[in-house]
Amino acid sequence: MAPDRPLVDAAVLAPSVFEPGSTAVREALDRLSTADVLAVASPTYKATYTGLLKAILDQAPGSWLRGKTAVPLLVAAADKHALAVELHLKPLLAELGASVPARVCSPTRPCCPRTRNS
């Protein structure tokens, strides 16, 4: 990992998320706040992002992502979860102040129209 590209793995933070007095989550959020663009990724669990991601982001200040672009990514096992990014993760990132891309993509709903070869 390059020093100018912070990476935070929520699974590594998991033991500290609800530990009284722990500063691990705050330090991770501080590292991420140095980025101009964030990719916020989670597996889809019960039709939304994980509770662990929510518990971490709940500790961020209200304007934590102001002036940043956040790209929400959810890995889903079924097409029925294609709107989970739009309905759940995108609004959470916007609530934290991020500029979030308007288009949602999935394998069955590509972002860009396919071009035809003539």
N, C-alpha and C. Protein backbone atom coordinates (compact mmCIF):
# COMPACT_ATOMS: atom_id res chain seq x y z
N MET A 1 0.84 -1.18 0.00
CA MET A 1 0.00 0.00 0.00
C MET A 1 0.89 1.24 0.00
N ALA A 2 0.61 2.13 -0.91
CA ALA A 2 1.34 3.39 -0.98
C ALA A 2 0.89 4.30 0.17
N PRO A 3 1.80 5.10 0.74
CA PRO A 3 1.43 5.95 1.86
C PRO A 3 0.37 6.99 1.52
N ASP A 4 0.23 7.35 0.26
CA ASP A 4 -0.77 8.34 -0.12
C ASP A 4 -2.12 7.71 -0.46
N ARG A 5 -2.25 6.41 -0.26
CA ARG A 5 -3.50 5.71 -0.54
C ARG A 5 -3.90 4.88 0.67
N PRO A 6 -4.62 5.49 1.60
CA PRO A 6 -4.98 4.76 2.82
C PRO A 6 -5.97 3.63 2.52
N LEU A 7 -5.82 2.55 3.25
CA LEU A 7 -6.70 1.40 3.15
C LEU A 7 -7.10 1.00 4.55
N VAL A 8 -8.37 0.83 4.76
CA VAL A 8 -8.87 0.39 6.06
C VAL A 8 -9.73 -0.84 5.83
N ASP A 9 -9.43 -1.91 6.52
CA ASP A 9 -10.20 -3.15 6.45
C ASP A 9 -11.08 -3.20 7.70
N ALA A 10 -12.37 -3.13 7.51
CA ALA A 10 -13.30 -3.13 8.64
C ALA A 10 -13.15 -4.38 9.50
N ALA A 11 -12.83 -5.50 8.89
CA ALA A 11 -12.68 -6.75 9.65
C ALA A 11 -11.54 -6.64 10.66
N VAL A 12 -10.49 -5.91 10.31
CA VAL A 12 -9.37 -5.72 11.23
C VAL A 12 -9.80 -4.82 12.40
N LEU A 13 -10.67 -3.86 12.13
CA LEU A 13 -11.16 -2.95 13.17
C LEU A 13 -12.22 -3.57 14.07
N ALA A 14 -12.83 -4.66 13.63
CA ALA A 14 -13.99 -5.23 14.33
C ALA A 14 -13.83 -5.36 15.84
N PRO A 15 -12.70 -5.88 16.35
CA PRO A 15 -12.58 -6.02 17.80
C PRO A 15 -12.61 -4.69 18.56
N SER A 16 -12.31 -3.59 17.88
CA SER A 16 -12.22 -2.28 18.54
C SER A 16 -13.48 -1.43 18.40
N VAL A 17 -14.39 -1.85 17.54
CA VAL A 17 -15.53 -0.99 17.23
C VAL A 17 -16.36 -0.64 18.45
N PHE A 18 -16.62 -1.59 19.31
CA PHE A 18 -17.45 -1.33 20.49
C PHE A 18 -16.65 -1.38 21.79
N GLU A 19 -15.34 -1.31 21.68
CA GLU A 19 -14.48 -1.33 22.87
C GLU A 19 -14.42 0.06 23.48
N PRO A 20 -14.87 0.22 24.72
CA PRO A 20 -14.83 1.55 25.35
C PRO A 20 -13.40 2.11 25.39
N GLY A 21 -13.27 3.35 25.00
CA GLY A 21 -11.98 4.02 25.04
C GLY A 21 -11.06 3.73 23.88
N SER A 22 -11.47 2.84 22.97
CA SER A 22 -10.61 2.53 21.82
C SER A 22 -10.57 3.71 20.86
N THR A 23 -9.40 3.97 20.34
CA THR A 23 -9.23 5.06 19.36
C THR A 23 -8.99 4.51 17.95
N ALA A 24 -9.05 3.20 17.78
CA ALA A 24 -8.72 2.58 16.49
C ALA A 24 -9.63 3.05 15.36
N VAL A 25 -10.93 3.13 15.61
CA VAL A 25 -11.86 3.56 14.56
C VAL A 25 -11.61 5.02 14.21
N ARG A 26 -11.46 5.87 15.19
CA ARG A 26 -11.21 7.30 14.94
C ARG A 26 -9.92 7.47 14.13
N GLU A 27 -8.87 6.74 14.48
CA GLU A 27 -7.61 6.81 13.74
C GLU A 27 -7.78 6.34 12.30
N ALA A 28 -8.56 5.30 12.10
CA ALA A 28 -8.82 4.81 10.74
C ALA A 28 -9.59 5.84 9.93
N LEU A 29 -10.61 6.44 10.54
CA LEU A 29 -11.37 7.48 9.85
C LEU A 29 -10.49 8.68 9.52
N ASP A 30 -9.59 9.04 10.43
CA ASP A 30 -8.66 10.14 10.17
C ASP A 30 -7.76 9.83 8.98
N ARG A 31 -7.27 8.58 8.88
CA ARG A 31 -6.43 8.20 7.73
C ARG A 31 -7.22 8.30 6.43
N LEU A 32 -8.46 7.82 6.45
CA LEU A 32 -9.28 7.85 5.25
C LEU A 32 -9.63 9.28 4.85
N SER A 33 -9.72 10.17 5.80
CA SER A 33 -10.10 11.56 5.49
C SER A 33 -9.04 12.29 4.68
N THR A 34 -7.86 11.71 4.53
CA THR A 34 -6.82 12.35 3.73
C THR A 34 -7.00 12.09 2.23
N ALA A 35 -7.88 11.16 1.88
CA ALA A 35 -8.11 10.83 0.47
C ALA A 35 -9.11 11.78 -0.16
N ASP A 36 -8.97 12.03 -1.45
CA ASP A 36 -9.94 12.84 -2.19
C ASP A 36 -11.11 12.00 -2.67
N VAL A 37 -10.82 10.73 -2.98
CA VAL A 37 -11.83 9.79 -3.47
C VAL A 37 -11.76 8.53 -2.62
N LEU A 38 -12.91 8.08 -2.16
CA LEU A 38 -12.96 6.85 -1.37
C LEU A 38 -13.83 5.82 -2.06
N ALA A 39 -13.37 4.59 -2.09
CA ALA A 39 -14.21 3.47 -2.51
C ALA A 39 -14.66 2.80 -1.21
N VAL A 40 -15.95 2.80 -0.97
CA VAL A 40 -16.50 2.22 0.25
C VAL A 40 -17.22 0.95 -0.16
N ALA A 41 -16.64 -0.19 0.23
CA ALA A 41 -17.13 -1.48 -0.26
C ALA A 41 -17.58 -2.38 0.88
N SER A 42 -18.58 -3.20 0.57
CA SER A 42 -19.10 -4.14 1.56
C SER A 42 -19.77 -5.29 0.81
N PRO A 43 -19.76 -6.47 1.42
CA PRO A 43 -20.64 -7.50 0.87
C PRO A 43 -22.09 -7.13 1.18
N THR A 44 -23.01 -7.61 0.39
CA THR A 44 -24.42 -7.39 0.68
C THR A 44 -24.85 -8.43 1.70
N TYR A 45 -25.43 -7.96 2.79
CA TYR A 45 -25.88 -8.84 3.85
C TYR A 45 -27.27 -8.40 4.26
N LYS A 46 -28.23 -9.29 4.13
CA LYS A 46 -29.63 -8.96 4.44
C LYS A 46 -30.09 -7.75 3.63
N ALA A 47 -29.72 -7.73 2.36
CA ALA A 47 -30.15 -6.72 1.38
C ALA A 47 -29.55 -5.33 1.58
N THR A 48 -28.46 -5.22 2.34
CA THR A 48 -27.81 -3.92 2.52
C THR A 48 -26.33 -4.15 2.87
N TYR A 49 -25.64 -3.09 3.25
CA TYR A 49 -24.24 -3.20 3.68
C TYR A 49 -24.21 -3.84 5.07
N THR A 50 -23.03 -4.23 5.51
CA THR A 50 -22.92 -4.94 6.79
C THR A 50 -23.10 -4.01 7.99
N GLY A 51 -23.49 -4.60 9.09
CA GLY A 51 -23.61 -3.86 10.34
C GLY A 51 -22.27 -3.33 10.80
N LEU A 52 -21.20 -4.06 10.49
CA LEU A 52 -19.86 -3.61 10.87
C LEU A 52 -19.52 -2.29 10.17
N LEU A 53 -19.80 -2.20 8.88
CA LEU A 53 -19.54 -0.95 8.16
C LEU A 53 -20.37 0.17 8.76
N LYS A 54 -21.64 -0.09 9.05
CA LYS A 54 -22.51 0.92 9.65
C LYS A 54 -21.98 1.38 11.02
N ALA A 55 -21.54 0.42 11.84
CA ALA A 55 -21.02 0.76 13.17
C ALA A 55 -19.77 1.63 13.09
N ILE A 56 -18.95 1.40 12.07
CA ILE A 56 -17.75 2.22 11.87
C ILE A 56 -18.13 3.61 11.38
N LEU A 57 -18.97 3.67 10.36
CA LEU A 57 -19.35 4.97 9.81
C LEU A 57 -20.19 5.79 10.78
N ASP A 58 -20.88 5.14 11.70
CA ASP A 58 -21.63 5.87 12.73
C ASP A 58 -20.72 6.68 13.64
N GLN A 59 -19.45 6.34 13.68
CA GLN A 59 -18.50 7.06 14.52
C GLN A 59 -17.85 8.24 13.79
N ALA A 60 -18.18 8.42 12.52
CA ALA A 60 -17.62 9.54 11.75
C ALA A 60 -18.43 10.81 12.05
N PRO A 61 -17.76 11.97 12.09
CA PRO A 61 -18.49 13.23 12.26
C PRO A 61 -19.43 13.46 11.08
N GLY A 62 -20.47 14.26 11.29
CA GLY A 62 -21.48 14.50 10.26
C GLY A 62 -20.96 15.00 8.92
N SER A 63 -19.95 15.81 8.92
CA SER A 63 -19.43 16.36 7.67
C SER A 63 -18.11 15.70 7.25
N TRP A 64 -17.88 14.52 7.73
CA TRP A 64 -16.61 13.83 7.54
C TRP A 64 -16.19 13.73 6.07
N LEU A 65 -17.13 13.54 5.17
CA LEU A 65 -16.79 13.37 3.75
C LEU A 65 -17.05 14.62 2.91
N ARG A 66 -17.26 15.75 3.53
CA ARG A 66 -17.51 16.97 2.77
C ARG A 66 -16.32 17.27 1.86
N GLY A 67 -16.59 17.54 0.59
CA GLY A 67 -15.54 17.84 -0.38
C GLY A 67 -14.88 16.59 -0.96
N LYS A 68 -15.37 15.42 -0.60
CA LYS A 68 -14.80 14.16 -1.09
C LYS A 68 -15.79 13.49 -2.04
N THR A 69 -15.27 12.64 -2.89
CA THR A 69 -16.11 11.78 -3.72
C THR A 69 -16.03 10.39 -3.13
N ALA A 70 -17.18 9.78 -2.93
CA ALA A 70 -17.23 8.42 -2.40
C ALA A 70 -17.94 7.53 -3.43
N VAL A 71 -17.31 6.43 -3.74
CA VAL A 71 -17.88 5.47 -4.69
C VAL A 71 -18.38 4.27 -3.89
N PRO A 72 -19.70 4.10 -3.80
CA PRO A 72 -20.23 2.98 -3.03
C PRO A 72 -20.19 1.68 -3.84
N LEU A 73 -19.72 0.61 -3.22
CA LEU A 73 -19.62 -0.69 -3.89
C LEU A 73 -20.20 -1.76 -2.98
N LEU A 74 -21.14 -2.52 -3.49
CA LEU A 74 -21.68 -3.67 -2.77
C LEU A 74 -21.53 -4.90 -3.65
N VAL A 75 -21.01 -5.95 -3.07
CA VAL A 75 -20.90 -7.22 -3.78
C VAL A 75 -22.15 -8.01 -3.44
N ALA A 76 -22.91 -8.37 -4.46
CA ALA A 76 -24.17 -9.07 -4.25
C ALA A 76 -24.16 -10.42 -4.96
N ALA A 77 -24.83 -11.38 -4.36
CA ALA A 77 -24.90 -12.72 -4.94
C ALA A 77 -26.09 -12.88 -5.86
N ALA A 78 -27.01 -11.93 -5.84
CA ALA A 78 -28.21 -12.06 -6.65
C ALA A 78 -28.62 -10.71 -7.22
N ASP A 79 -29.24 -10.76 -8.39
CA ASP A 79 -29.71 -9.54 -9.05
C ASP A 79 -30.72 -8.77 -8.20
N LYS A 80 -31.45 -9.47 -7.33
CA LYS A 80 -32.47 -8.80 -6.53
C LYS A 80 -31.87 -7.76 -5.58
N HIS A 81 -30.56 -7.79 -5.40
CA HIS A 81 -29.90 -6.81 -4.52
C HIS A 81 -29.26 -5.66 -5.32
N ALA A 82 -29.55 -5.56 -6.58
CA ALA A 82 -28.91 -4.55 -7.44
C ALA A 82 -29.18 -3.12 -6.96
N LEU A 83 -30.30 -2.88 -6.34
CA LEU A 83 -30.63 -1.52 -5.89
C LEU A 83 -30.13 -1.21 -4.48
N ALA A 84 -29.48 -2.16 -3.82
CA ALA A 84 -29.03 -1.94 -2.44
C ALA A 84 -28.07 -0.76 -2.33
N VAL A 85 -27.23 -0.57 -3.32
CA VAL A 85 -26.31 0.58 -3.30
C VAL A 85 -27.11 1.88 -3.33
N GLU A 86 -28.06 1.94 -4.24
CA GLU A 86 -28.86 3.15 -4.43
C GLU A 86 -29.74 3.46 -3.22
N LEU A 87 -30.30 2.43 -2.62
CA LEU A 87 -31.25 2.63 -1.53
C LEU A 87 -30.62 2.75 -0.15
N HIS A 88 -29.43 2.18 0.03
CA HIS A 88 -28.86 2.12 1.37
C HIS A 88 -27.49 2.80 1.52
N LEU A 89 -26.50 2.34 0.75
CA LEU A 89 -25.14 2.85 0.95
C LEU A 89 -24.95 4.26 0.40
N LYS A 90 -25.50 4.53 -0.76
CA LYS A 90 -25.36 5.87 -1.34
C LYS A 90 -25.94 6.96 -0.43
N PRO A 91 -27.14 6.80 0.13
CA PRO A 91 -27.66 7.83 1.04
C PRO A 91 -26.83 8.00 2.31
N LEU A 92 -26.26 6.92 2.82
CA LEU A 92 -25.41 7.02 4.01
C LEU A 92 -24.18 7.88 3.72
N LEU A 93 -23.54 7.64 2.58
CA LEU A 93 -22.35 8.41 2.21
C LEU A 93 -22.70 9.87 1.95
N ALA A 94 -23.84 10.11 1.34
CA ALA A 94 -24.29 11.49 1.10
C ALA A 94 -24.58 12.19 2.44
N GLU A 95 -25.14 11.48 3.39
CA GLU A 95 -25.41 12.04 4.72
C GLU A 95 -24.13 12.49 5.40
N LEU A 96 -23.03 11.80 5.10
CA LEU A 96 -21.73 12.16 5.67
C LEU A 96 -21.04 13.28 4.88
N GLY A 97 -21.71 13.78 3.84
CA GLY A 97 -21.21 14.92 3.10
C GLY A 97 -20.55 14.61 1.78
N ALA A 98 -20.49 13.35 1.39
CA ALA A 98 -19.78 12.97 0.15
C ALA A 98 -20.58 13.33 -1.09
N SER A 99 -19.85 13.58 -2.15
CA SER A 99 -20.42 13.63 -3.48
C SER A 99 -20.39 12.19 -3.99
N VAL A 100 -21.54 11.68 -4.38
CA VAL A 100 -21.65 10.27 -4.77
C VAL A 100 -22.10 10.21 -6.23
N PRO A 101 -21.43 9.39 -7.06
CA PRO A 101 -21.83 9.29 -8.47
C PRO A 101 -23.32 8.97 -8.60
N ALA A 102 -23.94 9.52 -9.61
CA ALA A 102 -25.39 9.38 -9.78
C ALA A 102 -25.79 8.01 -10.34
N ARG A 103 -24.91 7.36 -11.07
CA ARG A 103 -25.29 6.11 -11.73
C ARG A 103 -24.88 4.90 -10.90
N VAL A 104 -25.77 3.95 -10.85
CA VAL A 104 -25.51 2.69 -10.18
C VAL A 104 -25.31 1.62 -11.24
N CYS A 105 -24.30 0.79 -11.05
CA CYS A 105 -23.99 -0.25 -12.03
C CYS A 105 -24.10 -1.63 -11.39
N SER A 106 -24.44 -2.59 -12.18
CA SER A 106 -24.42 -3.99 -11.76
C SER A 106 -24.17 -4.82 -13.01
N PRO A 107 -23.84 -6.09 -12.85
CA PRO A 107 -23.60 -6.92 -14.04
C PRO A 107 -24.79 -6.95 -14.98
N THR A 108 -26.01 -6.84 -14.44
CA THR A 108 -27.19 -6.86 -15.30
C THR A 108 -27.66 -5.46 -15.68
N ARG A 109 -27.03 -4.45 -15.11
CA ARG A 109 -27.38 -3.05 -15.38
C ARG A 109 -26.10 -2.25 -15.55
N PRO A 110 -25.44 -2.39 -16.72
CA PRO A 110 -24.15 -1.71 -16.91
C PRO A 110 -24.29 -0.19 -16.86
N CYS A 111 -23.20 0.46 -16.48
CA CYS A 111 -23.19 1.93 -16.40
C CYS A 111 -23.22 2.59 -17.76
N CYS A 112 -22.50 2.02 -18.67
CA CYS A 112 -22.36 2.63 -19.99
C CYS A 112 -23.07 1.75 -21.02
N PRO A 113 -23.78 2.37 -21.93
CA PRO A 113 -24.43 1.57 -22.98
C PRO A 113 -23.35 0.88 -23.81
N ARG A 114 -23.68 -0.30 -24.24
CA ARG A 114 -22.73 -1.03 -25.09
C ARG A 114 -22.69 -0.40 -26.47
N THR A 115 -21.51 -0.34 -27.02
CA THR A 115 -21.37 0.21 -28.36
C THR A 115 -21.44 -0.93 -29.36
N ARG A 116 -21.98 -0.64 -30.49
CA ARG A 116 -22.08 -1.65 -31.53
C ARG A 116 -20.99 -1.44 -32.56
N ASN A 117 -20.41 -2.53 -32.97
CA ASN A 117 -19.41 -2.45 -34.04
C ASN A 117 -20.14 -2.51 -35.37
N SER A 118 -19.88 -1.56 -36.24
CA SER A 118 -20.58 -1.53 -37.53
C SER A 118 -19.77 -2.27 -38.55
